[in-house]
Amino acid sequence: MLGGIITGKPPVSLSQATPIARLTSEYNVFVVPA
């Protein structure tokens, strides 16, 4: 969502909502069709 806001510059801001909690972290995997 942060990346999308940076590139898309939508009229709504995440700062309008209320931070509650970070839950998980995860790394990306790149895949190709079999």
Full PDB file with SEQRES, HELIX, SHEET, SSBOND, CRYST1, ORIGX, SCALE, CONECT and MASTER records, all heavy atoms in Angstrom:
SEQRES   1 A   34  MET LEU GLY GLY ILE ILE THR GLY LYS PRO PRO VAL SER          
SEQRES   2 A   34  LEU SER GLN ALA THR PRO ILE ALA ARG LEU THR SER GLU          
SEQRES   3 A   34  TYR ASN VAL PHE VAL VAL PRO ALA                              
HELIX    1 AA1 LEU A    2  GLY A    8  1                                   7    
HELIX    2 AA2 LEU A   14  GLN A   16  5                                   3    
CRYST1    1.000    1.000    1.000  90.00  90.00  90.00 P 1           1          
ORIGX1      1.000000  0.000000  0.000000        0.00000                         
ORIGX2      0.000000  1.000000  0.000000        0.00000                         
ORIGX3      0.000000  0.000000  1.000000        0.00000                         
SCALE1      1.000000  0.000000  0.000000        0.00000                         
SCALE2      0.000000  1.000000  0.000000        0.00000                         
SCALE3      0.000000  0.000000  1.000000        0.00000                         
ATOM      1  N   MET A   1       0.830  -1.205   0.000  1.00  0.00           N  
ATOM      2  CA  MET A   1       0.000   0.000   0.000  1.00  0.00           C  
ATOM      3  C   MET A   1       0.864   1.254   0.000  1.00  0.00           C  
ATOM      4  O   MET A   1       0.551   2.237  -0.689  1.00  0.00           O  
ATOM      5  CB  MET A   1      -0.944   0.008   1.200  1.00  0.00           C  
ATOM      6  CG  MET A   1      -1.900   1.198   1.215  1.00  0.00           C  
ATOM      7  SD  MET A   1      -3.127   1.116   2.554  1.00  0.00           S  
ATOM      8  CE  MET A   1      -4.267  -0.108   1.891  1.00  0.00           C  
ATOM      9  N   LEU A   2       1.963   1.234   0.748  1.00  0.00           N  
ATOM     10  CA  LEU A   2       2.855   2.392   0.766  1.00  0.00           C  
ATOM     11  C   LEU A   2       3.416   2.656  -0.629  1.00  0.00           C  
ATOM     12  O   LEU A   2       3.440   3.797  -1.099  1.00  0.00           O  
ATOM     13  CB  LEU A   2       4.005   2.176   1.755  1.00  0.00           C  
ATOM     14  CG  LEU A   2       3.667   1.818   3.200  1.00  0.00           C  
ATOM     15  CD1 LEU A   2       4.914   1.945   4.070  1.00  0.00           C  
ATOM     16  CD2 LEU A   2       2.545   2.660   3.745  1.00  0.00           C  
ATOM     17  N   GLY A   3       3.861   1.587  -1.298  1.00  0.00           N  
ATOM     18  CA  GLY A   3       4.408   1.739  -2.646  1.00  0.00           C  
ATOM     19  C   GLY A   3       3.369   2.262  -3.613  1.00  0.00           C  
ATOM     20  O   GLY A   3       3.661   3.109  -4.467  1.00  0.00           O  
ATOM     21  N   GLY A   4       2.126   1.783  -3.485  1.00  0.00           N  
ATOM     22  CA  GLY A   4       1.064   2.243  -4.360  1.00  0.00           C  
ATOM     23  C   GLY A   4       0.728   3.702  -4.144  1.00  0.00           C  
ATOM     24  O   GLY A   4       0.438   4.438  -5.097  1.00  0.00           O  
ATOM     25  N   ILE A   5       0.768   4.139  -2.901  1.00  0.00           N  
ATOM     26  CA  ILE A   5       0.502   5.546  -2.599  1.00  0.00           C  
ATOM     27  C   ILE A   5       1.607   6.427  -3.167  1.00  0.00           C  
ATOM     28  O   ILE A   5       1.352   7.507  -3.700  1.00  0.00           O  
ATOM     29  CB  ILE A   5       0.365   5.737  -1.075  1.00  0.00           C  
ATOM     30  CG1 ILE A   5      -0.948   5.095  -0.591  1.00  0.00           C  
ATOM     31  CG2 ILE A   5       0.410   7.209  -0.701  1.00  0.00           C  
ATOM     32  CD1 ILE A   5      -1.108   5.064   0.916  1.00  0.00           C  
ATOM     33  N   ILE A   6       2.854   5.959  -3.078  1.00  0.00           N  
ATOM     34  CA  ILE A   6       3.978   6.737  -3.607  1.00  0.00           C  
ATOM     35  C   ILE A   6       3.876   6.903  -5.126  1.00  0.00           C  
ATOM     36  O   ILE A   6       4.093   7.985  -5.665  1.00  0.00           O  
ATOM     37  CB  ILE A   6       5.318   6.075  -3.229  1.00  0.00           C  
ATOM     38  CG1 ILE A   6       5.538   6.171  -1.716  1.00  0.00           C  
ATOM     39  CG2 ILE A   6       6.488   6.731  -3.971  1.00  0.00           C  
ATOM     40  CD1 ILE A   6       6.684   5.314  -1.191  1.00  0.00           C  
ATOM     41  N   THR A   7       3.519   5.822  -5.817  1.00  0.00           N  
ATOM     42  CA  THR A   7       3.453   5.897  -7.282  1.00  0.00           C  
ATOM     43  C   THR A   7       2.136   6.460  -7.787  1.00  0.00           C  
ATOM     44  O   THR A   7       2.102   7.179  -8.781  1.00  0.00           O  
ATOM     45  CB  THR A   7       3.656   4.500  -7.909  1.00  0.00           C  
ATOM     46  OG1 THR A   7       2.662   3.592  -7.401  1.00  0.00           O  
ATOM     47  CG2 THR A   7       5.033   3.961  -7.605  1.00  0.00           C  
ATOM     48  N   GLY A   8       1.030   6.136  -7.107  1.00  0.00           N  
ATOM     49  CA  GLY A   8      -0.285   6.527  -7.604  1.00  0.00           C  
ATOM     50  C   GLY A   8      -0.787   7.862  -7.107  1.00  0.00           C  
ATOM     51  O   GLY A   8      -1.661   8.475  -7.717  1.00  0.00           O  
ATOM     52  N   LYS A   9      -0.262   8.314  -5.951  1.00  0.00           N  
ATOM     53  CA  LYS A   9      -0.676   9.580  -5.349  1.00  0.00           C  
ATOM     54  C   LYS A   9      -2.197   9.722  -5.277  1.00  0.00           C  
ATOM     55  O   LYS A   9      -2.780  10.658  -5.818  1.00  0.00           O  
ATOM     56  CB  LYS A   9      -0.070  10.756  -6.135  1.00  0.00           C  
ATOM     57  CG  LYS A   9       1.447  10.743  -6.180  1.00  0.00           C  
ATOM     58  CD  LYS A   9       2.002  11.892  -7.001  1.00  0.00           C  
ATOM     59  CE  LYS A   9       3.522  11.843  -7.057  1.00  0.00           C  
ATOM     60  NZ  LYS A   9       4.095  12.921  -7.891  1.00  0.00           N  
ATOM     61  N   PRO A  10      -2.879   8.796  -4.609  1.00  0.00           N  
ATOM     62  CA  PRO A  10      -4.331   8.863  -4.520  1.00  0.00           C  
ATOM     63  C   PRO A  10      -4.782  10.023  -3.637  1.00  0.00           C  
ATOM     64  O   PRO A  10      -3.998  10.528  -2.818  1.00  0.00           O  
ATOM     65  CB  PRO A  10      -4.706   7.522  -3.882  1.00  0.00           C  
ATOM     66  CG  PRO A  10      -3.512   7.168  -3.065  1.00  0.00           C  
ATOM     67  CD  PRO A  10      -2.327   7.651  -3.863  1.00  0.00           C  
ATOM     68  N   PRO A  11      -6.031  10.460  -3.775  1.00  0.00           N  
ATOM     69  CA  PRO A  11      -6.518  11.584  -2.975  1.00  0.00           C  
ATOM     70  C   PRO A  11      -6.672  11.250  -1.497  1.00  0.00           C  
ATOM     71  O   PRO A  11      -6.697  12.145  -0.655  1.00  0.00           O  
ATOM     72  CB  PRO A  11      -7.883  11.898  -3.608  1.00  0.00           C  
ATOM     73  CG  PRO A  11      -8.297  10.634  -4.281  1.00  0.00           C  
ATOM     74  CD  PRO A  11      -7.023  10.009  -4.767  1.00  0.00           C  
ATOM     75  N   VAL A  12      -6.792   9.971  -1.178  1.00  0.00           N  
ATOM     76  CA  VAL A  12      -6.929   9.568   0.218  1.00  0.00           C  
ATOM     77  C   VAL A  12      -5.563   9.253   0.802  1.00  0.00           C  
ATOM     78  O   VAL A  12      -4.659   8.800   0.094  1.00  0.00           O  
ATOM     79  CB  VAL A  12      -7.860   8.341   0.338  1.00  0.00           C  
ATOM     80  CG1 VAL A  12      -7.222   7.127  -0.323  1.00  0.00           C  
ATOM     81  CG2 VAL A  12      -8.199   8.037   1.786  1.00  0.00           C  
ATOM     82  N   SER A  13      -5.387   9.511   2.091  1.00  0.00           N  
ATOM     83  CA  SER A  13      -4.095   9.303   2.745  1.00  0.00           C  
ATOM     84  C   SER A  13      -4.203   8.246   3.833  1.00  0.00           C  
ATOM     85  O   SER A  13      -5.201   8.183   4.567  1.00  0.00           O  
ATOM     86  CB  SER A  13      -3.595  10.615   3.364  1.00  0.00           C  
ATOM     87  OG  SER A  13      -2.476  10.390   4.195  1.00  0.00           O  
ATOM     88  N   LEU A  14      -3.181   7.421   3.957  1.00  0.00           N  
ATOM     89  CA  LEU A  14      -3.146   6.406   5.012  1.00  0.00           C  
ATOM     90  C   LEU A  14      -3.142   7.068   6.383  1.00  0.00           C  
ATOM     91  O   LEU A  14      -3.660   6.507   7.361  1.00  0.00           O  
ATOM     92  CB  LEU A  14      -1.912   5.523   4.841  1.00  0.00           C  
ATOM     93  CG  LEU A  14      -1.762   4.336   5.792  1.00  0.00           C  
ATOM     94  CD1 LEU A  14      -2.948   3.385   5.679  1.00  0.00           C  
ATOM     95  CD2 LEU A  14      -0.463   3.599   5.514  1.00  0.00           C  
ATOM     96  N   SER A  15      -2.610   8.286   6.463  1.00  0.00           N  
ATOM     97  CA  SER A  15      -2.545   8.989   7.742  1.00  0.00           C  
ATOM     98  C   SER A  15      -3.925   9.356   8.277  1.00  0.00           C  
ATOM     99  O   SER A  15      -4.067   9.726   9.447  1.00  0.00           O  
ATOM    100  CB  SER A  15      -1.689  10.250   7.609  1.00  0.00           C  
ATOM    101  OG  SER A  15      -2.270  11.151   6.683  1.00  0.00           O  
ATOM    102  N   GLN A  16      -4.951   9.241   7.445  1.00  0.00           N  
ATOM    103  CA  GLN A  16      -6.309   9.521   7.903  1.00  0.00           C  
ATOM    104  C   GLN A  16      -6.849   8.384   8.777  1.00  0.00           C  
ATOM    105  O   GLN A  16      -7.781   8.588   9.552  1.00  0.00           O  
ATOM    106  CB  GLN A  16      -7.234   9.734   6.699  1.00  0.00           C  
ATOM    107  CG  GLN A  16      -6.926  11.000   5.900  1.00  0.00           C  
ATOM    108  CD  GLN A  16      -7.729  11.086   4.610  1.00  0.00           C  
ATOM    109  OE1 GLN A  16      -7.219  10.815   3.528  1.00  0.00           O  
ATOM    110  NE2 GLN A  16      -8.990  11.444   4.731  1.00  0.00           N  
ATOM    111  N   ALA A  17      -6.294   7.197   8.632  1.00  0.00           N  
ATOM    112  CA  ALA A  17      -6.710   6.055   9.440  1.00  0.00           C  
ATOM    113  C   ALA A  17      -5.802   5.947  10.669  1.00  0.00           C  
ATOM    114  O   ALA A  17      -4.872   6.727  10.841  1.00  0.00           O  
ATOM    115  CB  ALA A  17      -6.672   4.779   8.608  1.00  0.00           C  
ATOM    116  N   THR A  18      -6.069   4.948  11.517  1.00  0.00           N  
ATOM    117  CA  THR A  18      -5.382   4.835  12.804  1.00  0.00           C  
ATOM    118  C   THR A  18      -4.494   3.600  12.861  1.00  0.00           C  
ATOM    119  O   THR A  18      -5.000   2.477  12.790  1.00  0.00           O  
ATOM    120  CB  THR A  18      -6.413   4.764  13.943  1.00  0.00           C  
ATOM    121  OG1 THR A  18      -7.308   5.875  13.858  1.00  0.00           O  
ATOM    122  CG2 THR A  18      -5.725   4.777  15.301  1.00  0.00           C  
ATOM    123  N   PRO A  19      -3.180   3.762  13.001  1.00  0.00           N  
ATOM    124  CA  PRO A  19      -2.284   2.604  13.080  1.00  0.00           C  
ATOM    125  C   PRO A  19      -2.597   1.721  14.286  1.00  0.00           C  
ATOM    126  O   PRO A  19      -2.744   2.235  15.400  1.00  0.00           O  
ATOM    127  CB  PRO A  19      -0.895   3.235  13.211  1.00  0.00           C  
ATOM    128  CG  PRO A  19      -1.063   4.652  12.745  1.00  0.00           C  
ATOM    129  CD  PRO A  19      -2.456   5.035  13.103  1.00  0.00           C  
ATOM    130  N   ILE A  20      -2.702   0.413  14.056  1.00  0.00           N  
ATOM    131  CA  ILE A  20      -2.970  -0.530  15.147  1.00  0.00           C  
ATOM    132  C   ILE A  20      -1.789  -1.460  15.361  1.00  0.00           C  
ATOM    133  O   ILE A  20      -1.173  -1.465  16.427  1.00  0.00           O  
ATOM    134  CB  ILE A  20      -4.251  -1.355  14.868  1.00  0.00           C  
ATOM    135  CG1 ILE A  20      -5.464  -0.432  14.738  1.00  0.00           C  
ATOM    136  CG2 ILE A  20      -4.471  -2.386  15.992  1.00  0.00           C  
ATOM    137  CD1 ILE A  20      -5.785   0.384  15.983  1.00  0.00           C  
ATOM    138  N   ALA A  21      -1.431  -2.266  14.344  1.00  0.00           N  
ATOM    139  CA  ALA A  21      -0.352  -3.230  14.568  1.00  0.00           C  
ATOM    140  C   ALA A  21       0.239  -3.746  13.272  1.00  0.00           C  
ATOM    141  O   ALA A  21      -0.470  -3.917  12.284  1.00  0.00           O  
ATOM    142  CB  ALA A  21      -0.875  -4.420  15.383  1.00  0.00           C  
ATOM    143  N   ARG A  22       1.537  -3.979  13.283  1.00  0.00           N  
ATOM    144  CA  ARG A  22       2.178  -4.786  12.249  1.00  0.00           C  
ATOM    145  C   ARG A  22       2.060  -6.228  12.704  1.00  0.00           C  
ATOM    146  O   ARG A  22       2.212  -6.531  13.893  1.00  0.00           O  
ATOM    147  CB  ARG A  22       3.654  -4.395  12.104  1.00  0.00           C  
ATOM    148  CG  ARG A  22       4.381  -5.140  10.984  1.00  0.00           C  
ATOM    149  CD  ARG A  22       5.854  -4.759  10.927  1.00  0.00           C  
ATOM    150  NE  ARG A  22       6.573  -5.184  12.121  1.00  0.00           N  
ATOM    151  CZ  ARG A  22       7.858  -4.894  12.363  1.00  0.00           C  
ATOM    152  NH1 ARG A  22       8.544  -4.171  11.519  1.00  0.00           N  
ATOM    153  NH2 ARG A  22       8.435  -5.325  13.473  1.00  0.00           N  
ATOM    154  N   LEU A  23       1.787  -7.115  11.763  1.00  0.00           N  
ATOM    155  CA  LEU A  23       1.551  -8.518  12.105  1.00  0.00           C  
ATOM    156  C   LEU A  23       2.684  -9.447  11.693  1.00  0.00           C  
ATOM    157  O   LEU A  23       3.165 -10.253  12.491  1.00  0.00           O  
ATOM    158  CB  LEU A  23       0.247  -9.000  11.442  1.00  0.00           C  
ATOM    159  CG  LEU A  23      -1.034  -8.264  11.831  1.00  0.00           C  
ATOM    160  CD1 LEU A  23      -2.180  -8.701  10.934  1.00  0.00           C  
ATOM    161  CD2 LEU A  23      -1.361  -8.520  13.297  1.00  0.00           C  
ATOM    162  N   THR A  24       3.077  -9.374  10.424  1.00  0.00           N  
ATOM    163  CA  THR A  24       4.043 -10.328   9.880  1.00  0.00           C  
ATOM    164  C   THR A  24       5.006  -9.639   8.928  1.00  0.00           C  
ATOM    165  O   THR A  24       4.755  -8.535   8.448  1.00  0.00           O  
ATOM    166  CB  THR A  24       3.337 -11.444   9.086  1.00  0.00           C  
ATOM    167  OG1 THR A  24       2.646 -10.851   7.963  1.00  0.00           O  
ATOM    168  CG2 THR A  24       2.350 -12.205   9.950  1.00  0.00           C  
ATOM    169  N   SER A  25       6.089 -10.316   8.654  1.00  0.00           N  
ATOM    170  CA  SER A  25       6.976  -9.907   7.573  1.00  0.00           C  
ATOM    171  C   SER A  25       7.224 -11.120   6.692  1.00  0.00           C  
ATOM    172  O   SER A  25       7.080 -12.267   7.134  1.00  0.00           O  
ATOM    173  CB  SER A  25       8.298  -9.341   8.109  1.00  0.00           C  
ATOM    174  OG  SER A  25       9.069 -10.357   8.713  1.00  0.00           O  
ATOM    175  N   GLU A  26       7.573 -10.859   5.461  1.00  0.00           N  
ATOM    176  CA  GLU A  26       7.739 -11.941   4.496  1.00  0.00           C  
ATOM    177  C   GLU A  26       8.584 -11.428   3.334  1.00  0.00           C  
ATOM    178  O   GLU A  26       8.473 -10.258   2.951  1.00  0.00           O  
ATOM    179  CB  GLU A  26       6.358 -12.382   3.993  1.00  0.00           C  
ATOM    180  CG  GLU A  26       6.368 -13.578   3.066  1.00  0.00           C  
ATOM    181  CD  GLU A  26       4.955 -13.980   2.657  1.00  0.00           C  
ATOM    182  OE1 GLU A  26       4.063 -13.108   2.589  1.00  0.00           O  
ATOM    183  OE2 GLU A  26       4.737 -15.177   2.405  1.00  0.00           O  
ATOM    184  N   TYR A  27       9.418 -12.298   2.783  1.00  0.00           N  
ATOM    185  CA  TYR A  27      10.190 -11.918   1.607  1.00  0.00           C  
ATOM    186  C   TYR A  27       9.484 -12.422   0.350  1.00  0.00           C  
ATOM    187  O   TYR A  27       8.661 -13.338   0.402  1.00  0.00           O  
ATOM    188  CB  TYR A  27      11.609 -12.480   1.693  1.00  0.00           C  
ATOM    189  CG  TYR A  27      12.454 -11.771   2.719  1.00  0.00           C  
ATOM    190  CD1 TYR A  27      12.659 -12.323   3.989  1.00  0.00           C  
ATOM    191  CD2 TYR A  27      13.031 -10.538   2.448  1.00  0.00           C  
ATOM    192  CE1 TYR A  27      13.423 -11.661   4.943  1.00  0.00           C  
ATOM    193  CE2 TYR A  27      13.795  -9.872   3.400  1.00  0.00           C  
ATOM    194  CZ  TYR A  27      13.983 -10.437   4.642  1.00  0.00           C  
ATOM    195  OH  TYR A  27      14.726  -9.772   5.584  1.00  0.00           O  
ATOM    196  N   ASN A  28       9.802 -11.787  -0.762  1.00  0.00           N  
ATOM    197  CA  ASN A  28       9.197 -12.179  -2.029  1.00  0.00           C  
ATOM    198  C   ASN A  28       9.932 -13.349  -2.659  1.00  0.00           C  
ATOM    199  O   ASN A  28      11.145 -13.507  -2.487  1.00  0.00           O  
ATOM    200  CB  ASN A  28       9.199 -11.006  -3.015  1.00  0.00           C  
ATOM    201  CG  ASN A  28       8.218  -9.924  -2.632  1.00  0.00           C  
ATOM    202  OD1 ASN A  28       8.608  -8.855  -2.188  1.00  0.00           O  
ATOM    203  ND2 ASN A  28       6.935 -10.193  -2.798  1.00  0.00           N  
ATOM    204  N   VAL A  29       9.193 -14.140  -3.399  1.00  0.00           N  
ATOM    205  CA  VAL A  29       9.774 -15.203  -4.205  1.00  0.00           C  
ATOM    206  C   VAL A  29       9.371 -14.955  -5.648  1.00  0.00           C  
ATOM    207  O   VAL A  29       8.244 -14.516  -5.927  1.00  0.00           O  
ATOM    208  CB  VAL A  29       9.296 -16.594  -3.734  1.00  0.00           C  
ATOM    209  CG1 VAL A  29       7.792 -16.740  -3.837  1.00  0.00           C  
ATOM    210  CG2 VAL A  29       9.985 -17.709  -4.528  1.00  0.00           C  
ATOM    211  N   PHE A  30      10.296 -15.169  -6.569  1.00  0.00           N  
ATOM    212  CA  PHE A  30       9.992 -15.072  -7.997  1.00  0.00           C  
ATOM    213  C   PHE A  30       9.857 -16.481  -8.559  1.00  0.00           C  
ATOM    214  O   PHE A  30      10.677 -17.356  -8.266  1.00  0.00           O  
ATOM    215  CB  PHE A  30      11.079 -14.296  -8.742  1.00  0.00           C  
ATOM    216  CG  PHE A  30      10.974 -12.801  -8.553  1.00  0.00           C  
ATOM    217  CD1 PHE A  30      11.866 -12.121  -7.738  1.00  0.00           C  
ATOM    218  CD2 PHE A  30       9.960 -12.090  -9.180  1.00  0.00           C  
ATOM    219  CE1 PHE A  30      11.767 -10.754  -7.562  1.00  0.00           C  
ATOM    220  CE2 PHE A  30       9.850 -10.723  -8.998  1.00  0.00           C  
ATOM    221  CZ  PHE A  30      10.740 -10.043  -8.190  1.00  0.00           C  
ATOM    222  N   VAL A  31       8.816 -16.673  -9.347  1.00  0.00           N  
ATOM    223  CA  VAL A  31       8.536 -17.996  -9.917  1.00  0.00           C  
ATOM    224  C   VAL A  31       8.335 -17.882 -11.416  1.00  0.00           C  
ATOM    225  O   VAL A  31       8.057 -16.803 -11.951  1.00  0.00           O  
ATOM    226  CB  VAL A  31       7.271 -18.621  -9.287  1.00  0.00           C  
ATOM    227  CG1 VAL A  31       7.422 -18.786  -7.788  1.00  0.00           C  
ATOM    228  CG2 VAL A  31       6.024 -17.781  -9.610  1.00  0.00           C  
ATOM    229  N   VAL A  32       8.469 -19.014 -12.094  1.00  0.00           N  
ATOM    230  CA  VAL A  32       8.163 -19.106 -13.523  1.00  0.00           C  
ATOM    231  C   VAL A  32       7.228 -20.296 -13.719  1.00  0.00           C  
ATOM    232  O   VAL A  32       7.183 -21.206 -12.874  1.00  0.00           O  
ATOM    233  CB  VAL A  32       9.442 -19.294 -14.372  1.00  0.00           C  
ATOM    234  CG1 VAL A  32      10.339 -18.065 -14.283  1.00  0.00           C  
ATOM    235  CG2 VAL A  32      10.199 -20.547 -13.951  1.00  0.00           C  
ATOM    236  N   PRO A  33       6.455 -20.314 -14.800  1.00  0.00           N  
ATOM    237  CA  PRO A  33       5.619 -21.483 -15.079  1.00  0.00           C  
ATOM    238  C   PRO A  33       6.483 -22.730 -15.223  1.00  0.00           C  
ATOM    239  O   PRO A  33       7.662 -22.647 -15.596  1.00  0.00           O  
ATOM    240  CB  PRO A  33       4.936 -21.121 -16.404  1.00  0.00           C  
ATOM    241  CG  PRO A  33       5.009 -19.625 -16.480  1.00  0.00           C  
ATOM    242  CD  PRO A  33       6.293 -19.247 -15.805  1.00  0.00           C  
ATOM    243  N   ALA A  34       5.918 -23.872 -14.930  1.00  0.00           N  
ATOM    244  CA  ALA A  34       6.682 -25.120 -14.948  1.00  0.00           C  
ATOM    245  C   ALA A  34       7.376 -25.371 -16.277  1.00  0.00           C  
ATOM    246  O   ALA A  34       8.490 -25.901 -16.322  1.00  0.00           O  
ATOM    247  CB  ALA A  34       5.756 -26.292 -14.607  1.00  0.00           C  
TER     248      ALA A  34                                                      
MASTER        0    0    0    2    0    0    0    6  247    1    0    3          
END                                                                             
